[in-house]
Protein backbone atom coordinates (compact mmCIF):
# COMPACT_ATOMS: atom_id res chain seq x y z
CA MET A 1 33.70 -21.14 -14.72
CA THR A 2 34.87 -17.68 -13.14
CA PRO A 3 34.52 -17.66 -9.53
CA LEU A 4 32.42 -15.66 -7.77
CA PRO A 5 33.88 -12.99 -4.68
CA ALA A 6 34.18 -15.12 -1.74
CA THR A 7 32.71 -14.70 1.64
CA GLN A 8 33.77 -14.97 4.93
CA PRO A 9 33.00 -18.19 7.10
CA LEU A 10 30.16 -16.65 9.44
CA ARG A 11 31.91 -18.84 12.43
CA PRO A 12 34.83 -20.48 11.71
CA ASP A 13 35.25 -22.49 14.97
CA VAL A 14 31.96 -24.15 14.75
CA SER A 15 32.21 -27.61 16.28
CA ARG A 16 32.34 -31.00 14.20
CA ARG A 17 31.34 -33.20 16.84
CA LYS A 18 28.86 -35.02 15.55
CA LEU A 19 25.12 -34.13 16.36
CA ILE A 20 22.91 -35.79 13.31
CA GLU A 21 24.89 -38.14 11.10
CA VAL A 22 22.73 -39.31 7.65
CA ARG A 23 23.96 -41.72 5.34
CA ASN A 24 22.41 -42.80 1.95
CA LEU A 25 18.73 -41.30 3.09
CA VAL A 26 16.11 -42.50 0.49
CA THR A 27 12.49 -41.52 0.69
CA ARG A 28 9.92 -42.89 -1.59
CA PHE A 29 6.06 -41.93 -1.85
CA LYS A 30 3.73 -45.15 -2.85
CA LEU A 31 1.12 -43.66 -5.32
CA GLY A 32 -1.34 -46.40 -6.15
CA ASN A 33 1.09 -48.79 -8.09
CA LEU A 34 3.16 -46.42 -8.68
CA GLU A 35 6.36 -45.56 -6.46
CA VAL A 36 8.46 -42.36 -6.68
CA GLN A 37 11.89 -41.52 -5.20
CA ALA A 38 11.44 -37.97 -3.86
CA VAL A 39 15.07 -37.55 -2.53
CA ARG A 40 17.76 -40.41 -2.93
CA GLY A 41 21.67 -41.46 -1.36
CA ILE A 42 21.65 -38.17 0.69
CA ASP A 43 24.42 -38.37 2.97
CA LEU A 44 24.85 -35.43 5.77
CA VAL A 45 26.97 -34.90 8.96
CA ILE A 46 25.81 -32.17 11.36
CA GLY A 47 28.19 -31.04 14.05
CA GLU A 48 26.86 -29.01 17.36
CA GLY A 49 25.67 -25.75 16.88
CA GLU A 50 26.52 -26.11 13.31
CA VAL A 51 24.35 -24.32 10.86
CA LEU A 52 23.52 -25.69 7.37
CA GLY A 53 21.84 -24.39 4.61
CA VAL A 54 19.87 -25.97 2.35
CA ILE A 55 19.27 -24.58 -0.60
CA GLY A 56 17.76 -25.31 -4.21
CA GLU A 57 14.68 -24.41 -6.42
CA SER A 58 11.31 -25.64 -5.77
CA GLY A 59 10.89 -28.96 -6.08
CA SER A 60 14.34 -30.21 -5.31
CA GLY A 61 13.85 -31.95 -2.56
CA LYS A 62 14.88 -29.73 0.53
CA SER A 63 11.61 -30.28 2.31
CA VAL A 64 10.86 -33.80 1.97
CA THR A 65 14.72 -34.23 3.04
CA GLY A 66 13.90 -32.26 6.35
CA LEU A 67 10.47 -33.85 7.30
CA SER A 68 12.28 -37.47 6.55
CA LEU A 69 14.79 -36.54 9.31
CA LEU A 70 11.94 -35.54 11.95
CA ARG A 71 9.18 -38.36 10.61
CA LEU A 72 6.88 -35.86 10.04
CA LEU A 73 6.06 -37.18 6.02
CA PRO A 74 1.73 -38.86 5.58
CA GLN A 75 1.75 -42.85 5.86
CA ASN A 76 2.52 -43.42 2.18
CA ALA A 77 6.41 -42.29 2.52
CA GLU A 78 8.53 -44.88 3.29
CA VAL A 79 12.33 -43.56 4.56
CA THR A 80 15.13 -45.68 4.62
CA ALA A 81 18.78 -45.15 5.29
CA ASP A 82 22.62 -47.19 5.87
CA VAL A 83 22.75 -44.84 8.86
CA LEU A 84 20.70 -42.37 10.53
CA SER A 85 21.77 -41.06 14.37
CA PHE A 86 21.66 -38.71 16.88
CA ARG A 87 24.50 -38.29 19.06
CA GLY A 88 25.36 -41.61 18.05
CA ARG A 89 22.05 -43.18 18.69
CA PRO A 90 20.11 -45.19 15.69
CA LEU A 91 16.98 -43.59 15.32
CA ALA A 92 15.45 -46.16 13.06
CA PRO A 93 14.24 -48.61 15.17
CA LEU A 94 12.58 -46.13 17.93
CA THR A 95 9.15 -46.65 17.87
CA GLU A 96 6.61 -43.97 16.83
CA ARG A 97 6.42 -43.03 20.63
CA GLU A 98 10.06 -43.21 21.72
CA PHE A 99 10.56 -40.48 18.30
CA ARG A 100 7.41 -38.29 19.20
CA GLU A 101 9.50 -37.80 22.50
CA LEU A 102 12.76 -36.64 21.04
CA ARG A 103 11.12 -34.83 18.71
CA GLY A 104 9.18 -32.90 21.21
CA THR A 105 12.52 -32.28 23.33
CA HIS A 106 15.35 -32.06 21.28
CA LEU A 107 14.68 -32.19 17.36
CA ALA A 108 11.83 -29.28 16.68
CA MET A 109 10.96 -27.79 13.06
CA VAL A 110 9.59 -24.40 11.94
CA PHE A 111 7.35 -25.11 9.03
CA GLN A 112 7.22 -22.35 6.44
CA ASP A 113 2.81 -22.48 6.84
CA PRO A 114 2.85 -22.18 10.85
CA VAL A 115 -1.08 -22.68 10.73
CA GLY A 116 -0.52 -26.74 11.05
CA ALA A 117 1.75 -25.94 13.69
CA PHE A 118 -0.98 -24.93 16.16
CA ASN A 119 -4.48 -26.85 17.46
CA PRO A 120 -7.02 -24.12 16.58
CA VAL A 121 -8.94 -24.58 19.07
CA LYS A 122 -6.43 -24.06 22.11
CA THR A 123 -4.89 -20.29 22.94
CA ILE A 124 -1.35 -18.91 21.81
CA GLY A 125 -0.73 -19.23 25.75
CA TRP A 126 -2.01 -22.43 26.16
CA HIS A 127 0.58 -23.59 23.62
CA LEU A 128 2.83 -21.95 25.39
CA SER A 129 2.71 -23.21 28.52
CA ARG A 130 2.73 -26.91 27.04
CA ILE A 131 6.15 -26.07 25.53
CA ILE A 132 7.42 -24.70 29.09
CA GLU A 133 6.30 -28.13 30.97
CA ARG A 134 7.98 -30.32 28.17
CA ALA A 135 11.40 -27.59 28.69
CA LYS A 136 11.06 -27.94 32.39
CA ALA A 137 11.03 -32.05 32.31
CA ARG A 138 14.77 -31.73 30.45
CA THR A 139 16.56 -31.00 33.94
CA ASP A 140 19.52 -30.80 32.18
CA ARG A 141 19.08 -27.36 30.35
CA ALA A 142 15.55 -26.09 31.78
CA GLY A 143 16.11 -23.46 34.48
CA SER A 144 13.80 -21.99 37.32
CA ASP A 145 12.85 -18.84 34.87
CA LEU A 146 11.92 -20.41 31.74
CA ASP A 147 8.40 -18.73 32.08
CA GLN A 148 10.30 -15.59 31.79
CA ASN A 149 12.59 -16.46 28.98
CA ALA A 150 9.53 -17.51 27.16
CA MET A 151 8.38 -14.15 27.18
CA SER A 152 11.26 -12.93 26.26
CA TRP A 153 11.60 -14.43 23.36
CA LEU A 154 7.85 -14.10 22.12
CA LYS A 155 9.71 -10.09 22.54
CA ASP A 156 12.59 -11.19 20.51
CA VAL A 157 10.75 -12.25 17.71
CA GLY A 158 8.98 -8.83 17.25
CA ILE A 159 5.88 -9.33 19.73
CA PRO A 160 6.15 -5.94 21.96
CA ASN A 161 3.28 -6.95 24.08
CA PRO A 162 3.34 -10.74 24.27
CA GLU A 163 0.43 -10.92 27.05
CA ARG A 164 -1.93 -9.19 24.52
CA ILE A 165 -1.64 -12.54 21.99
CA LEU A 166 -1.63 -14.85 24.88
CA PRO A 167 -5.42 -15.13 25.34
CA GLN A 168 -6.02 -15.40 21.26
CA TYR A 169 -6.35 -18.29 19.31
CA PRO A 170 -4.14 -18.82 15.71
CA HIS A 171 -6.81 -17.94 13.39
CA GLN A 172 -6.96 -14.54 15.10
CA LEU A 173 -3.15 -13.65 14.22
CA SER A 174 -1.46 -12.69 11.04
CA GLY A 175 0.66 -15.21 9.39
CA GLY A 176 3.73 -13.50 10.03
CA MET A 177 2.54 -13.22 13.73
CA LEU A 178 1.74 -17.00 14.05
CA GLN A 179 5.04 -17.51 12.30
CA ARG A 180 6.75 -15.42 15.44
CA ALA A 181 4.99 -16.89 17.69
CA LEU A 182 5.93 -20.58 16.44
CA ILE A 183 9.87 -19.62 16.32
CA ALA A 184 9.20 -17.82 19.90
CA MET A 185 7.57 -21.51 21.10
CA VAL A 186 10.33 -23.65 19.46
CA ALA A 187 13.40 -21.48 21.55
CA ALA A 188 11.54 -21.89 24.70
CA LEU A 189 11.76 -25.64 24.07
CA GLN A 190 15.80 -25.15 23.50
CA PRO A 191 16.01 -27.88 20.92
CA ASP A 192 19.13 -29.55 20.14
CA LEU A 193 18.38 -29.82 16.22
CA LEU A 194 16.01 -27.23 14.96
CA VAL A 195 14.73 -27.73 11.45
CA ALA A 196 13.44 -23.89 9.63
CA ASP A 197 11.44 -24.79 6.38
CA GLU A 198 11.73 -21.77 4.49
CA PRO A 199 10.69 -19.37 7.95
CA THR A 200 10.63 -16.61 6.24
CA THR A 201 8.47 -17.02 3.33
CA ASN A 202 5.96 -15.01 4.06
CA LEU A 203 7.31 -12.64 6.18
CA ASP A 204 8.25 -9.20 5.15
CA ASN A 205 11.99 -7.79 4.97
CA ILE A 206 11.99 -6.27 8.58
CA VAL A 207 10.60 -9.56 10.39
CA GLU A 208 13.01 -11.30 8.04
CA ARG A 209 16.04 -10.09 9.25
CA GLN A 210 14.21 -10.21 12.89
CA ILE A 211 13.91 -14.42 12.33
CA ILE A 212 17.27 -14.70 11.08
CA SER A 213 18.80 -12.40 13.81
CA LEU A 214 16.80 -15.04 16.11
CA PHE A 215 18.40 -17.89 14.60
CA ARG A 216 21.64 -16.45 15.39
CA ARG A 217 21.03 -15.97 18.82
CA LEU A 218 20.00 -19.79 18.92
CA ARG A 219 22.81 -21.61 17.61
CA GLU A 220 25.00 -19.12 20.21
CA LYS A 221 23.03 -19.17 23.30
CA LEU A 222 21.86 -21.96 23.04
CA ARG A 223 23.96 -24.38 21.00
CA ALA A 224 21.61 -25.78 18.67
CA ALA A 225 22.44 -27.13 15.52
CA ILE A 226 20.09 -25.35 12.88
CA ILE A 227 18.77 -26.75 9.17
CA PHE A 228 17.80 -23.77 7.43
CA ILE A 229 15.86 -24.65 4.00
CA THR A 230 15.62 -21.93 1.81
CA HIS A 231 16.10 -20.78 -1.78
CA ASP A 232 16.94 -17.39 -0.55
CA ILE A 233 20.75 -17.54 -0.96
CA SER A 234 21.59 -13.87 0.43
CA LEU A 235 19.89 -15.35 3.79
CA ALA A 236 22.00 -18.30 3.57
CA ALA A 237 24.98 -16.63 3.21
CA GLY A 238 24.35 -14.39 6.25
CA LEU A 239 23.43 -17.32 8.62
CA CYS A 240 25.29 -20.62 7.65
CA ASP A 241 28.10 -22.46 8.11
CA THR A 242 28.00 -25.12 5.97
CA ILE A 243 25.86 -25.23 2.45
CA CYS A 244 24.33 -28.58 0.88
CA VAL A 245 22.68 -27.41 -3.24
CA MET A 246 19.91 -29.88 -3.79
CA TYR A 247 19.12 -30.52 -7.35
CA ALA A 248 16.00 -33.26 -8.31
CA GLY A 249 16.42 -35.24 -4.80
CA GLU A 250 20.05 -35.34 -4.83
CA ILE A 251 22.86 -33.47 -3.57
CA VAL A 252 24.96 -31.83 -6.02
CA GLU A 253 27.18 -30.02 -3.99
CA THR A 254 28.23 -29.66 0.10
CA GLY A 255 31.00 -27.42 1.65
CA PRO A 256 31.91 -24.61 3.90
CA ALA A 257 29.85 -21.56 3.09
CA ALA A 258 32.69 -19.59 2.41
CA GLU A 259 33.70 -21.77 -0.68
CA ILE A 260 30.19 -22.92 -1.92
CA LEU A 261 28.75 -19.29 -2.06
CA GLY A 262 32.23 -17.51 -2.73
CA ALA A 263 33.72 -19.85 -5.79
CA PRO A 264 30.79 -22.54 -6.73
CA GLN A 265 32.11 -25.70 -8.55
CA HIS A 266 29.11 -27.19 -9.78
CA PRO A 267 27.45 -25.58 -12.71
CA TYR A 268 23.78 -25.80 -11.01
CA THR A 269 25.69 -24.13 -7.64
CA PHE A 270 26.97 -21.85 -9.94
CA GLY A 271 23.46 -20.74 -11.96
CA LEU A 272 22.04 -20.32 -8.57
CA VAL A 273 24.73 -17.85 -6.96
CA ALA A 274 25.02 -16.14 -10.07
CA THR A 275 21.44 -15.37 -10.46
CA SER A 276 21.41 -14.48 -6.52
CA ARG A 277 23.96 -11.87 -7.31
CA GLN A 278 22.68 -10.38 -10.29
CA LEU A 279 19.69 -9.21 -8.31
CA ASP A 280 21.83 -6.78 -6.20
CA ALA A 281 23.01 -5.63 -9.99
CA ARG A 282 20.75 -2.86 -10.96
CA GLY A 283 20.64 -2.05 -15.02
CA GLU A 284 21.22 -5.50 -15.75
CA ARG A 285 18.53 -7.92 -17.13
CA LEU A 286 18.34 -11.20 -14.74
CA ARG A 287 19.55 -14.50 -16.76
CA GLU A 288 17.78 -17.28 -14.71
CA ILE A 289 18.85 -21.03 -15.09
CA ALA A 290 17.34 -22.08 -18.42
CA GLY A 291 15.13 -25.34 -18.63
CA GLU A 292 13.32 -27.31 -15.70
CA LEU A 293 13.78 -29.53 -13.21
CA PRO A 294 13.14 -33.49 -14.04
CA GLY A 295 10.17 -34.95 -13.09
CA ALA A 296 10.35 -37.69 -10.62
CA LEU A 297 9.01 -40.07 -13.34
CA SER A 298 10.87 -38.24 -16.34
CA ARG A 299 14.34 -38.45 -14.91
CA PRO A 300 17.10 -38.54 -17.40
CA GLN A 301 19.66 -41.47 -17.16
CA GLY A 302 22.79 -40.02 -16.28
CA CYS A 303 23.41 -36.40 -14.73
CA LEU A 304 20.23 -35.02 -13.51
CA PHE A 305 21.27 -31.86 -14.65
CA ALA A 306 22.77 -32.89 -17.90
CA PRO A 307 19.44 -31.20 -20.01
CA ARG A 308 20.28 -28.07 -18.38
CA CYS A 309 23.82 -27.76 -18.27
CA GLY A 310 25.98 -25.77 -20.96
CA LEU A 311 28.80 -27.74 -19.72
CA VAL A 312 27.41 -31.19 -21.58
CA THR A 313 29.10 -33.89 -22.68
CA GLU A 314 28.05 -37.53 -23.88
CA GLU A 315 29.80 -38.98 -21.09
CA CYS A 316 27.78 -37.07 -18.65
CA ARG A 317 24.40 -38.37 -20.31
CA ALA A 318 26.00 -41.99 -20.05
CA ALA A 319 26.11 -42.85 -16.56
CA PRO A 320 24.86 -41.00 -12.96
CA PRO A 321 27.82 -39.13 -11.63
CA PRO A 322 28.89 -40.05 -8.36
CA MET A 323 29.49 -37.87 -5.47
CA ARG A 324 33.55 -36.74 -5.36
CA GLU A 325 35.68 -35.01 -2.82
CA ILE A 326 37.42 -31.93 -3.88
CA GLY A 327 38.71 -30.29 -0.76
CA ARG A 328 38.08 -30.82 3.07
CA ASP A 329 34.55 -30.93 3.94
CA HIS A 330 33.79 -29.97 0.20
CA THR A 331 32.13 -32.65 -2.27
CA ILE A 332 30.33 -32.59 -5.80
CA ARG A 333 28.44 -34.73 -8.03
CA CYS A 334 30.33 -33.19 -11.42
CA ILE A 335 32.58 -35.71 -13.77
CA ARG A 336 33.46 -32.27 -15.30
CA HIS A 337 35.40 -30.49 -12.32
CA ALA A 338 39.57 -30.75 -12.92
């Protein structure tokens, strides 16, 4: 594979002090008599202040992974892991009440569709006041000017007159405005970890740039770590320190953003990056990755990407390839790598 031009690391001095550690995460869904593994074998280490980009096609398991970490899946889901810890504290033994306290202060999420994050019979101002109360309870980081800071976050996400929307209800705001209000409230909460699940999907290009800028501020100002889930590689390239590529419920490549996006090693990653680069090249016909993701109940025996891979051999089809380290903090799930 011909390497693509390398990008520059967004932040080479990012801390690798562990904030979140995940080893062998598996998420199953029970559907009647069936049990479906949506994601499996997920290993992640996220440092304080680090932005981890999770990329892949729709259905690759990106959102399920983020929801699994924050216990936001439906009751028919089961999540197991050999290690799942926050600042070295195991999360599995926590009761639902204990975990909600953690999720409501140190851990937070921005959803692709913000409607479900709001109580429809409460105003935006009511929601914001609840966030302020929770943040004030964190005496180690909340300041006396938090009320004013919260209003400033509203302005930073493109709401010039925040007092105008405070008495309004969620249904009275556009989707873009509601998404910005949700991100502002999460910012006011000052979490240690923010999971952003496709947060710019329904926004125009101008608002999208504002949101990306806000995430940079969150990381720099609050030292908040971010898991940024997206299918838009250009957004990941401009924001993330580390990239994790998922395919059919598995991680197939992970490493520094400059290496992953500048010189991708897994055939699937290469295809994603090459397709993204073509979007910026005028006059060229867009070449997509041939084939489709395998269904959860019809996955091939060997490498899951084998049916779509131009480098496939019989050895690839024989058994699932292990994850191998090919450089510092750079791993790949492919036996064809030299």
